[in-house]
Amino acid sequence: MALLTFRQIEKSYGVVPVLKGIELAVEPGEVLALVGENGAGKSTLMRIAAGLAAPSAGTMLLDGAPAPTTLHEAERAGIVMVHQEFCLAPHLTVAENVFLGRELTRGLFTDRKAMEVKARALLAELGSAAPVRARLRDLPVSDWQMIELAKAFARQPKLILMDEPTAVLSATEAGNLFTRIRAFRKSGGSVIFTSHRLDEVKAIADRVAVLRDGQIVRVEKTSAISENEMAEAMVGRPLAEIYPPRRGAAPHKAFLSVAGLSAPGAVEDASLDIREGEVLGISGLVGSGRTELFEALLGLRPAKCRSFVLRGRERRLPAAREAWALKLAYLTEDRKGKGLLLAKPLDQNVALTRGAIAGAAWIDRRAERRDLEAAVGRYDIRAGRLDVTAGALSGGNQQKVLIAKTLGVEPDLVVFDEPTRGVDIGAKQQIYEIIAGLAAEGKAIVVISSEMQEIVGLSDRVLVMRRGRIAGELSGEAITENDIIRFAMGLEEASPQEEASH
């Protein structure tokens, strides 16, 4: 008997249908992956399973009986959801968060020692050494995700719903999570897993269900479907090579040259050139200083340098507002926390940067509307209506709004920090085309990414960071995952480029 069964599940918000007659079952001891473009209905289906949303029509069965319809009933029945957005309390300790809402007690009092011991063991099973007495707010986001996962396993579930659980994890942390999932599956537990990383789906799932426009369009054993076939089923058309074709090697003029850049506690003595018409990839392990280097370069954190030459002219290191005025743009990796005003309508988000740079004392709503209409067409922002808030859009469309906002000042240098984090394969391809198009126009482009395939597929040249320093440089055909890893890990062997120079 199936553990969880969806029968003709439908869900509409107002007149907009989100799920259309979903028929799907999850077996005991199975990892079922849900894949689909942003807006396909994956998260909505998971929320229904978790008791966070009620279907508009259809039924859901748990062990053959009517399934719980509220969050608390679902958790009592053994269904636990790991949300894409963290459900944690930053002011509490790690141990307190792991047992949030289900605190261990001794008599009338909270048993903090028992919670710390058990939290440490749960985190160890996930390969995490997060200090259980530390306040959550003092820890990196990757630790938050591991704590969210430990909280789910602490509830001793029979079914865990994981919505993009690896989005902020390193490859090593994701591998540790997969080891834990396999142990959970072996013990009879089941997982519904969503991810935009199709290689992860191949690595962990037993079956994959593809959603498109609110419908299940294909269900297969993972061994019987390739990543490319998944992607094509998601978008409903043959998918050409996802990365734009490489342009022929050509000399590039230095747009910005920096020497001896340092930021306290983050970057040390970094020197680099950023060239016109080139995509410069920045790689390295989490915590290597990738983001911090460019925050320092663009005035977003305290820094100093020996030399800063922009467009052939020596200048001082700019402050953030000066960098924007110099047409040096930074697309943040945190679109929800730092990039967009989620509660504001789209036109205000798209025009936000332009207005801030101009120092406008008044708002031209008609100009905002024109900017939005142009951005919707140029970047294929699928909003339904132009008056919706940014927070109402799917992740991929939010990212395209952020790109429109960032490019609104027509910058000459654009730093894309994790440009495709949390977006689907179709939106990724569109973003890659935008990046390649900007480089073809002669713009200087930097791409910071945790996905090495993305770095290899997009970059003309790559700088690899390690412990706050630039550890190596690769270019052209010498850009391979193997050599990026060697530099990132600090291995002593020379890269092919270095060997050729001796």
Protein backbone atom coordinates (compact mmCIF):
# COMPACT_ATOMS: atom_id res chain seq x y z
CA MET A 1 0.00 0.00 0.00
CA ALA A 2 1.24 3.48 -0.87
CA LEU A 3 2.25 5.70 2.02
CA LEU A 4 0.76 8.89 0.56
CA THR A 5 -1.61 9.10 -2.41
CA PHE A 6 -2.84 12.16 -4.30
CA ARG A 7 -6.10 11.61 -6.20
CA GLN A 8 -7.22 14.23 -8.69
CA ILE A 9 -5.80 17.05 -6.58
CA GLU A 10 -6.67 20.51 -7.84
CA LYS A 11 -5.74 23.88 -6.39
CA SER A 12 -6.70 27.37 -7.54
CA TYR A 13 -5.95 30.77 -6.11
CA GLY A 14 -8.86 32.93 -7.18
CA VAL A 15 -9.39 32.20 -10.86
CA VAL A 16 -5.80 31.04 -11.38
CA PRO A 17 -5.42 27.21 -11.44
CA VAL A 18 -2.14 26.02 -9.92
CA LEU A 19 -2.67 22.24 -9.77
CA LYS A 20 -4.82 20.34 -12.26
CA GLY A 21 -5.87 16.80 -11.45
CA ILE A 22 -2.68 15.52 -9.79
CA GLU A 23 -2.50 11.69 -9.55
CA LEU A 24 0.61 10.53 -7.72
CA ALA A 25 1.67 8.11 -4.97
CA VAL A 26 4.67 7.88 -2.65
CA GLU A 27 5.74 4.41 -1.55
CA PRO A 28 7.22 3.45 1.85
CA GLY A 29 11.01 3.61 1.79
CA GLU A 30 11.09 5.71 -1.40
CA VAL A 31 12.67 9.00 -2.40
CA LEU A 32 10.38 10.65 -4.95
CA ALA A 33 11.69 13.75 -6.72
CA LEU A 34 9.37 16.48 -7.97
CA VAL A 35 10.89 18.57 -10.74
CA GLY A 36 9.46 21.38 -12.82
CA GLU A 37 9.91 25.01 -13.70
CA ASN A 38 9.18 27.69 -11.11
CA GLY A 39 5.42 28.04 -10.94
CA ALA A 40 4.80 24.45 -12.10
CA GLY A 41 3.11 23.62 -8.78
CA LYS A 42 5.78 21.69 -6.84
CA SER A 43 5.71 23.77 -3.66
CA THR A 44 1.91 23.99 -3.71
CA LEU A 45 1.63 20.19 -3.84
CA MET A 46 4.11 19.89 -0.96
CA ARG A 47 2.16 22.43 1.10
CA ILE A 48 -1.03 20.43 0.59
CA ALA A 49 0.76 17.26 1.72
CA ALA A 50 2.04 19.10 4.82
CA GLY A 51 -1.42 20.39 5.78
CA LEU A 52 -0.44 24.00 5.07
CA ALA A 53 -2.94 24.39 2.22
CA ALA A 54 -6.23 22.74 1.38
CA PRO A 55 -6.90 21.39 -2.12
CA SER A 56 -9.71 22.97 -4.09
CA ALA A 57 -10.77 19.48 -5.21
CA GLY A 58 -9.59 15.89 -4.93
CA THR A 59 -8.54 13.68 -2.02
CA MET A 60 -5.31 12.72 -0.28
CA LEU A 61 -4.77 9.40 1.51
CA LEU A 62 -2.19 8.46 4.14
CA ASP A 63 -1.76 4.69 4.58
CA GLY A 64 -5.07 4.25 2.76
CA ALA A 65 -7.09 6.51 5.09
CA PRO A 66 -8.03 10.19 4.69
CA ALA A 67 -4.88 12.24 5.20
CA PRO A 68 -4.54 15.00 7.83
CA THR A 69 -5.74 18.42 6.74
CA THR A 70 -3.83 20.69 9.15
CA LEU A 71 -0.14 21.19 9.88
CA HIS A 72 -0.36 19.90 13.46
CA GLU A 73 -2.36 16.84 12.44
CA ALA A 74 0.12 16.10 9.63
CA GLU A 75 3.10 16.35 11.99
CA ARG A 76 1.40 14.08 14.52
CA ALA A 77 0.82 11.59 11.68
CA GLY A 78 4.51 11.68 10.76
CA ILE A 79 4.58 14.15 7.84
CA VAL A 80 7.19 16.89 8.29
CA MET A 81 8.16 19.63 5.83
CA VAL A 82 11.56 21.27 5.40
CA HIS A 83 10.64 24.62 3.89
CA GLN A 84 12.60 26.56 1.29
CA GLU A 85 12.21 29.54 3.64
CA PHE A 86 13.64 28.87 7.09
CA CYS A 87 11.20 28.39 9.99
CA LEU A 88 13.73 29.12 12.72
CA ALA A 89 14.22 31.64 15.54
CA PRO A 90 17.52 33.54 15.08
CA HIS A 91 17.67 34.68 18.74
CA LEU A 92 17.52 31.11 20.08
CA THR A 93 20.36 28.60 20.32
CA VAL A 94 20.92 25.81 17.83
CA ALA A 95 19.61 23.18 20.26
CA GLU A 96 16.52 25.28 21.04
CA ASN A 97 15.79 25.58 17.32
CA VAL A 98 16.18 21.86 16.69
CA PHE A 99 13.46 21.19 19.28
CA LEU A 100 11.44 24.34 18.57
CA GLY A 101 7.84 23.72 19.59
CA ARG A 102 8.70 20.26 20.91
CA GLU A 103 11.08 21.09 23.74
CA LEU A 104 12.35 18.27 25.92
CA THR A 105 11.42 18.64 29.58
CA ARG A 106 12.40 17.26 32.95
CA GLY A 107 9.47 17.71 35.27
CA LEU A 108 8.12 21.23 34.77
CA PHE A 109 11.34 22.61 33.29
CA THR A 110 13.01 22.55 29.88
CA ASP A 111 15.85 20.02 29.79
CA ARG A 112 18.48 22.06 27.97
CA LYS A 113 21.26 19.53 28.49
CA ALA A 114 19.22 16.71 26.93
CA MET A 115 18.30 18.93 23.99
CA GLU A 116 21.95 19.84 23.46
CA VAL A 117 23.06 16.18 23.54
CA LYS A 118 20.36 15.07 21.10
CA ALA A 119 20.77 18.10 18.84
CA ARG A 120 24.50 17.43 18.59
CA ALA A 121 23.81 13.80 17.62
CA LEU A 122 21.19 14.76 15.01
CA LEU A 123 23.54 17.30 13.46
CA ALA A 124 26.41 14.81 13.46
CA GLU A 125 24.23 12.42 11.42
CA LEU A 126 24.05 15.24 8.83
CA GLY A 127 27.81 15.80 8.96
CA SER A 128 27.35 19.16 10.69
CA ALA A 129 29.45 20.42 13.60
CA ALA A 130 27.30 23.49 14.27
CA PRO A 131 27.80 24.48 17.95
CA VAL A 132 24.56 23.62 19.74
CA ARG A 133 24.87 26.45 22.29
CA ALA A 134 25.49 29.15 19.69
CA ARG A 135 22.76 31.64 18.78
CA LEU A 136 21.43 30.92 15.32
CA ARG A 137 21.92 34.54 14.20
CA ASP A 138 25.69 34.15 14.63
CA LEU A 139 25.98 31.21 12.21
CA PRO A 140 26.21 31.04 8.38
CA VAL A 141 23.16 30.24 6.26
CA SER A 142 24.45 26.74 5.40
CA ASP A 143 24.32 25.90 9.12
CA TRP A 144 20.74 27.19 9.25
CA GLN A 145 19.76 24.68 6.58
CA MET A 146 21.38 21.81 8.45
CA ILE A 147 19.59 22.88 11.64
CA GLU A 148 16.28 22.98 9.73
CA LEU A 149 16.95 19.43 8.54
CA ALA A 150 17.96 18.24 12.02
CA LYS A 151 14.70 19.71 13.36
CA ALA A 152 12.76 17.63 10.82
CA PHE A 153 14.55 14.39 11.70
CA ALA A 154 14.08 15.11 15.43
CA ARG A 155 10.33 14.68 14.92
CA GLN A 156 10.89 11.02 13.92
CA PRO A 157 8.81 11.31 10.74
CA LYS A 158 7.67 8.66 8.32
CA LEU A 159 7.59 11.16 5.41
CA ILE A 160 9.79 14.25 4.99
CA LEU A 161 8.94 16.88 2.38
CA MET A 162 12.16 18.65 1.32
CA ASP A 163 11.70 21.84 -0.73
CA GLU A 164 15.04 22.82 -2.31
CA PRO A 165 17.05 21.61 0.72
CA THR A 166 20.46 21.94 -0.96
CA ALA A 167 20.08 25.46 -2.40
CA VAL A 168 22.52 26.97 0.15
CA LEU A 169 24.65 23.89 0.80
CA SER A 170 28.12 23.12 -0.50
CA ALA A 171 28.71 19.93 -2.47
CA THR A 172 30.15 18.28 0.66
CA GLU A 173 27.17 19.31 2.79
CA ALA A 174 24.73 18.08 0.12
CA GLY A 175 26.60 14.77 0.04
CA ASN A 176 26.25 14.47 3.82
CA LEU A 177 22.53 15.13 3.52
CA PHE A 178 22.17 12.44 0.85
CA THR A 179 23.94 9.94 3.10
CA ARG A 180 21.39 10.74 5.83
CA ILE A 181 18.48 10.43 3.38
CA ARG A 182 19.69 7.01 2.26
CA ALA A 183 19.85 5.85 5.88
CA PHE A 184 16.34 7.22 6.46
CA ARG A 185 15.07 5.42 3.36
CA LYS A 186 16.72 2.17 4.46
CA SER A 187 14.85 2.41 7.78
CA GLY A 188 11.55 2.65 5.88
CA GLY A 189 11.17 6.41 5.76
CA SER A 190 10.06 8.23 2.62
CA VAL A 191 11.07 11.59 1.14
CA ILE A 192 9.51 13.90 -1.42
CA PHE A 193 12.43 15.95 -2.71
CA THR A 194 12.43 19.01 -4.96
CA SER A 195 15.54 20.48 -6.55
CA HIS A 196 16.48 22.49 -9.61
CA ARG A 197 19.77 20.58 -9.66
CA LEU A 198 18.95 17.61 -11.84
CA ASP A 199 22.24 15.88 -11.10
CA GLU A 200 21.12 15.74 -7.46
CA VAL A 201 17.82 14.22 -8.51
CA LYS A 202 19.71 11.50 -10.39
CA ALA A 203 21.93 10.92 -7.36
CA ILE A 204 19.28 10.55 -4.65
CA ALA A 205 15.80 9.80 -6.07
CA ASP A 206 14.24 6.41 -6.83
CA ARG A 207 11.56 7.95 -9.06
CA VAL A 208 11.00 11.36 -10.58
CA ALA A 209 7.69 13.07 -11.33
CA VAL A 210 7.81 15.99 -13.77
CA LEU A 211 5.30 18.81 -13.34
CA ARG A 212 4.47 21.34 -16.04
CA ASP A 213 1.77 23.99 -15.76
CA GLY A 214 0.20 22.29 -12.74
CA GLN A 215 0.03 18.80 -14.25
CA ILE A 216 2.10 15.62 -13.96
CA VAL A 217 3.48 15.09 -17.45
CA ARG A 218 5.88 12.23 -16.79
CA VAL A 219 6.73 9.76 -14.01
CA GLU A 220 9.74 7.49 -14.38
CA LYS A 221 12.27 5.50 -12.42
CA THR A 222 15.24 7.85 -12.14
CA SER A 223 17.47 5.25 -13.78
CA ALA A 224 15.25 5.35 -16.88
CA ILE A 225 15.36 9.10 -17.57
CA SER A 226 18.32 11.36 -18.32
CA GLU A 227 18.83 14.88 -16.97
CA ASN A 228 18.25 16.26 -20.47
CA GLU A 229 14.97 14.31 -20.80
CA MET A 230 13.83 15.69 -17.42
CA ALA A 231 14.63 19.22 -18.58
CA GLU A 232 12.80 18.79 -21.88
CA ALA A 233 9.73 17.39 -20.09
CA MET A 234 9.80 20.37 -17.71
CA VAL A 235 9.79 23.01 -20.44
CA GLY A 236 7.70 21.06 -22.98
CA ARG A 237 10.10 21.41 -25.87
CA PRO A 238 13.46 20.06 -27.05
CA LEU A 239 16.15 21.80 -25.03
CA ALA A 240 19.19 22.91 -26.96
CA GLU A 241 22.57 23.14 -25.30
CA ILE A 242 21.83 25.12 -22.14
CA TYR A 243 24.93 27.30 -22.32
CA PRO A 244 25.36 29.84 -25.14
CA PRO A 245 28.02 28.89 -27.69
CA ARG A 246 31.48 30.07 -26.82
CA ARG A 247 32.67 33.05 -28.76
CA GLY A 248 36.00 32.80 -30.51
CA ALA A 249 39.02 33.87 -28.52
CA ALA A 250 39.66 37.58 -28.96
CA PRO A 251 41.86 40.13 -27.22
CA HIS A 252 40.00 41.96 -24.47
CA LYS A 253 40.88 45.42 -23.21
CA ALA A 254 41.16 45.79 -19.43
CA PHE A 255 38.12 47.64 -18.10
CA LEU A 256 39.13 47.53 -14.44
CA SER A 257 42.49 46.59 -12.90
CA VAL A 258 42.90 46.22 -9.16
CA ALA A 259 46.08 45.50 -7.20
CA GLY A 260 46.50 44.57 -3.54
CA LEU A 261 42.82 44.59 -2.56
CA SER A 262 42.20 43.58 1.05
CA ALA A 263 39.08 43.45 3.22
CA PRO A 264 39.52 42.73 6.95
CA GLY A 265 38.82 39.10 7.79
CA ALA A 266 37.68 38.22 4.26
CA VAL A 267 40.10 39.07 1.41
CA GLU A 268 43.87 39.44 1.38
CA ASP A 269 46.08 41.02 -1.28
CA ALA A 270 43.91 40.24 -4.32
CA SER A 271 44.97 41.52 -7.74
CA LEU A 272 42.88 41.04 -10.88
CA ASP A 273 41.86 42.42 -14.26
CA ILE A 274 38.25 42.54 -15.45
CA ARG A 275 38.09 42.88 -19.23
CA GLU A 276 35.58 44.27 -21.68
CA GLY A 277 33.49 41.71 -23.57
CA GLU A 278 34.61 38.86 -21.34
CA VAL A 279 32.81 36.64 -18.83
CA LEU A 280 35.10 36.25 -15.82
CA GLY A 281 34.04 33.34 -13.61
CA ILE A 282 34.78 33.33 -9.88
CA SER A 283 34.90 29.93 -8.21
CA GLY A 284 35.97 28.48 -4.88
CA LEU A 285 34.56 26.70 -1.85
CA VAL A 286 31.92 28.26 0.39
CA GLY A 287 33.71 30.76 2.64
CA SER A 288 36.63 31.25 0.23
CA GLY A 289 35.92 34.98 -0.15
CA ARG A 290 34.23 35.03 -3.56
CA THR A 291 31.36 37.35 -2.65
CA GLU A 292 33.46 39.35 -0.19
CA LEU A 293 36.03 40.17 -2.89
CA PHE A 294 33.46 41.91 -5.06
CA GLU A 295 31.62 43.50 -2.15
CA ALA A 296 34.96 45.07 -1.26
CA LEU A 297 35.61 46.08 -4.86
CA LEU A 298 32.25 47.82 -5.19
CA GLY A 299 32.16 49.62 -1.86
CA LEU A 300 29.80 47.25 -0.06
CA ARG A 301 32.28 46.44 2.73
CA PRO A 302 35.33 48.21 4.21
CA ALA A 303 38.45 47.63 2.10
CA LYS A 304 41.66 49.16 0.79
CA CYS A 305 43.87 48.57 -2.24
CA ARG A 306 47.19 49.71 -3.71
CA SER A 307 45.75 50.50 -7.13
CA PHE A 308 42.31 50.87 -8.72
CA VAL A 309 42.41 51.65 -12.47
CA LEU A 310 39.01 52.10 -14.14
CA ARG A 311 38.76 52.72 -17.89
CA GLY A 312 42.49 53.49 -17.94
CA ARG A 313 42.28 56.08 -15.16
CA GLU A 314 43.67 55.69 -11.63
CA ARG A 315 40.98 56.29 -9.02
CA ARG A 316 40.38 55.68 -5.34
CA LEU A 317 38.33 52.66 -4.28
CA PRO A 318 34.70 53.79 -4.65
CA ALA A 319 31.95 53.77 -2.05
CA ALA A 320 28.76 51.89 -2.94
CA ARG A 321 26.83 54.86 -4.34
CA GLU A 322 29.93 56.00 -6.29
CA ALA A 323 30.26 52.51 -7.80
CA TRP A 324 26.68 52.64 -9.10
CA ALA A 325 27.29 56.14 -10.48
CA LEU A 326 30.40 54.79 -12.24
CA LYS A 327 28.12 52.14 -13.81
CA LEU A 328 29.58 49.29 -11.78
CA ALA A 329 26.62 47.05 -10.86
CA TYR A 330 26.29 44.20 -8.40
CA LEU A 331 23.48 41.64 -8.57
CA THR A 332 23.21 40.24 -5.05
CA GLU A 333 23.02 36.52 -4.28
CA ASP A 334 20.24 37.29 -1.74
CA ARG A 335 17.37 38.48 -3.93
CA LYS A 336 14.77 38.24 -1.15
CA GLY A 337 16.79 39.76 1.68
CA LYS A 338 18.82 42.41 -0.16
CA GLY A 339 17.73 42.52 -3.79
CA LEU A 340 13.98 43.10 -3.96
CA LEU A 341 11.21 44.78 -1.98
CA LEU A 342 8.94 41.75 -1.93
CA ALA A 343 5.89 43.64 -0.65
CA LYS A 344 6.20 46.36 -3.31
CA PRO A 345 4.75 46.22 -6.84
CA LEU A 346 6.98 45.28 -9.76
CA ASP A 347 7.28 48.77 -11.24
CA GLN A 348 8.77 50.15 -8.02
CA ASN A 349 11.29 47.30 -7.86
CA VAL A 350 12.43 47.67 -11.47
CA ALA A 351 12.89 51.44 -11.14
CA LEU A 352 14.44 51.27 -7.66
CA THR A 353 18.11 51.45 -8.65
CA ARG A 354 17.65 54.13 -11.29
CA GLY A 355 15.85 56.37 -8.78
CA ALA A 356 18.39 55.79 -6.03
CA ILE A 357 21.34 56.66 -8.29
CA ALA A 358 19.64 59.77 -9.60
CA GLY A 359 18.81 60.82 -6.05
CA ALA A 360 15.25 61.54 -7.14
CA ALA A 361 13.25 63.62 -4.67
CA TRP A 362 9.97 62.68 -6.33
CA ILE A 363 8.64 59.57 -8.05
CA ASP A 364 7.62 59.49 -11.72
CA ARG A 365 5.06 56.68 -11.72
CA ARG A 366 4.60 56.81 -15.48
CA ALA A 367 8.34 56.36 -15.99
CA GLU A 368 8.29 53.42 -13.57
CA ARG A 369 5.49 51.85 -15.58
CA ARG A 370 7.40 52.33 -18.85
CA ASP A 371 10.50 50.74 -17.31
CA LEU A 372 8.44 47.77 -16.14
CA GLU A 373 6.72 47.24 -19.49
CA ALA A 374 10.10 47.31 -21.25
CA ALA A 375 11.61 44.89 -18.70
CA VAL A 376 8.70 42.43 -19.00
CA GLY A 377 9.29 42.19 -22.73
CA ARG A 378 13.07 42.17 -22.67
CA TYR A 379 13.54 39.66 -19.83
CA ASP A 380 10.39 37.56 -20.33
CA ILE A 381 9.05 38.30 -16.83
CA ARG A 382 5.89 36.20 -16.47
CA ALA A 383 3.79 38.09 -13.97
CA GLY A 384 0.22 37.63 -15.19
CA ARG A 385 -0.57 41.21 -14.10
CA LEU A 386 1.77 44.18 -13.87
CA ASP A 387 0.39 45.36 -10.53
CA VAL A 388 1.40 42.26 -8.53
CA THR A 389 4.04 42.44 -5.80
CA ALA A 390 7.50 40.99 -6.36
CA GLY A 391 6.90 38.45 -3.58
CA ALA A 392 3.98 36.93 -5.50
CA LEU A 393 6.22 35.77 -8.36
CA SER A 394 8.04 32.46 -8.76
CA GLY A 395 11.76 32.35 -7.98
CA GLY A 396 12.80 32.50 -11.61
CA ASN A 397 10.63 35.54 -12.33
CA GLN A 398 11.82 37.26 -9.15
CA GLN A 399 15.37 36.74 -10.38
CA LYS A 400 14.53 38.29 -13.74
CA VAL A 401 12.98 41.30 -11.96
CA LEU A 402 16.24 41.63 -9.99
CA ILE A 403 18.23 41.48 -13.23
CA ALA A 404 15.98 44.15 -14.76
CA LYS A 405 16.47 46.34 -11.69
CA THR A 406 20.26 45.87 -11.74
CA LEU A 407 20.60 46.52 -15.47
CA GLY A 408 18.26 49.52 -15.36
CA VAL A 409 21.18 51.94 -15.02
CA GLU A 410 22.82 50.43 -18.13
CA PRO A 411 26.04 49.46 -16.33
CA ASP A 412 29.37 48.80 -18.03
CA LEU A 413 30.41 46.21 -15.42
CA VAL A 414 27.96 43.69 -13.97
CA VAL A 415 28.83 41.28 -11.16
CA PHE A 416 26.30 38.41 -11.13
CA ASP A 417 26.49 36.69 -7.71
CA GLU A 418 24.81 33.24 -7.86
CA PRO A 419 22.66 34.39 -10.81
CA THR A 420 20.62 31.16 -11.09
CA ARG A 421 20.28 30.07 -7.45
CA GLY A 422 16.79 28.64 -6.91
CA VAL A 423 15.58 29.01 -10.51
CA ASP A 424 14.42 26.36 -12.94
CA ILE A 425 16.16 25.07 -16.04
CA GLY A 426 14.17 27.24 -18.46
CA ALA A 427 14.89 30.44 -16.51
CA LYS A 428 18.55 29.41 -16.21
CA GLN A 429 18.88 29.22 -19.97
CA GLN A 430 17.32 32.68 -20.34
CA ILE A 431 19.68 34.15 -17.73
CA TYR A 432 22.69 32.59 -19.46
CA GLU A 433 21.59 34.18 -22.73
CA ILE A 434 21.31 37.57 -20.99
CA ILE A 435 24.85 37.21 -19.60
CA ALA A 436 26.27 36.17 -22.98
CA GLY A 437 24.41 39.01 -24.70
CA LEU A 438 25.87 41.60 -22.34
CA ALA A 439 29.38 40.28 -22.95
CA ALA A 440 28.77 40.39 -26.72
CA GLU A 441 27.85 44.08 -26.32
CA GLY A 442 31.29 44.69 -24.82
CA LYS A 443 30.23 44.83 -21.18
CA ALA A 444 32.59 43.52 -18.52
CA ILE A 445 30.88 40.56 -16.83
CA VAL A 446 31.72 38.70 -13.62
CA VAL A 447 29.86 35.52 -12.62
CA ILE A 448 30.26 34.20 -9.05
CA SER A 449 28.77 30.73 -8.73
CA SER A 450 28.85 27.65 -6.52
CA GLU A 451 27.90 25.50 -9.52
CA MET A 452 31.09 24.49 -11.28
CA GLN A 453 29.21 23.39 -14.41
CA GLU A 454 27.89 26.95 -14.63
CA ILE A 455 31.38 28.42 -14.26
CA VAL A 456 32.79 26.06 -16.90
CA GLY A 457 29.88 26.62 -19.29
CA LEU A 458 29.85 30.42 -19.16
CA SER A 459 33.36 31.66 -18.49
CA ASP A 460 36.08 32.85 -20.84
CA ARG A 461 38.43 33.03 -17.87
CA VAL A 462 38.17 31.80 -14.26
CA LEU A 463 39.73 32.96 -11.00
CA VAL A 464 39.61 30.40 -8.17
CA MET A 465 39.62 31.64 -4.59
CA ARG A 466 40.87 29.90 -1.47
CA ARG A 467 40.91 31.32 2.06
CA GLY A 468 40.48 34.92 0.94
CA ARG A 469 43.17 34.79 -1.75
CA ILE A 470 43.14 34.23 -5.50
CA ALA A 471 44.60 30.74 -5.73
CA GLY A 472 44.77 30.33 -9.51
CA GLU A 473 43.60 31.38 -12.95
CA LEU A 474 42.31 29.28 -15.87
CA SER A 475 41.22 30.31 -19.34
CA GLY A 476 39.70 28.86 -22.50
CA GLU A 477 39.83 25.10 -22.91
CA ALA A 478 41.89 24.80 -19.71
CA ILE A 479 38.75 25.60 -17.67
CA THR A 480 37.72 22.22 -16.25
CA GLU A 481 36.00 21.14 -13.04
CA ASN A 482 39.05 19.08 -12.13
CA ASP A 483 41.45 22.03 -12.25
CA ILE A 484 39.01 24.34 -10.47
CA ILE A 485 38.77 21.80 -7.63
CA ARG A 486 42.56 21.46 -7.45
CA PHE A 487 43.00 25.19 -6.97
CA ALA A 488 40.04 25.45 -4.57
CA MET A 489 41.40 22.64 -2.39
CA GLY A 490 44.95 24.04 -2.37
CA LEU A 491 46.55 21.03 -4.03
CA GLU A 492 50.16 21.49 -5.00
CA GLU A 493 50.06 20.15 -8.55
CA ALA A 494 50.40 22.84 -11.19
CA SER A 495 47.51 23.51 -13.52
CA PRO A 496 47.89 22.69 -17.21
CA GLN A 497 48.48 26.40 -17.86
CA GLU A 498 51.33 26.51 -15.37
CA GLU A 499 52.85 23.30 -16.73
CA ALA A 500 52.78 24.72 -20.25
CA SER A 501 54.65 27.83 -19.12
CA HIS A 502 57.63 25.85 -17.78
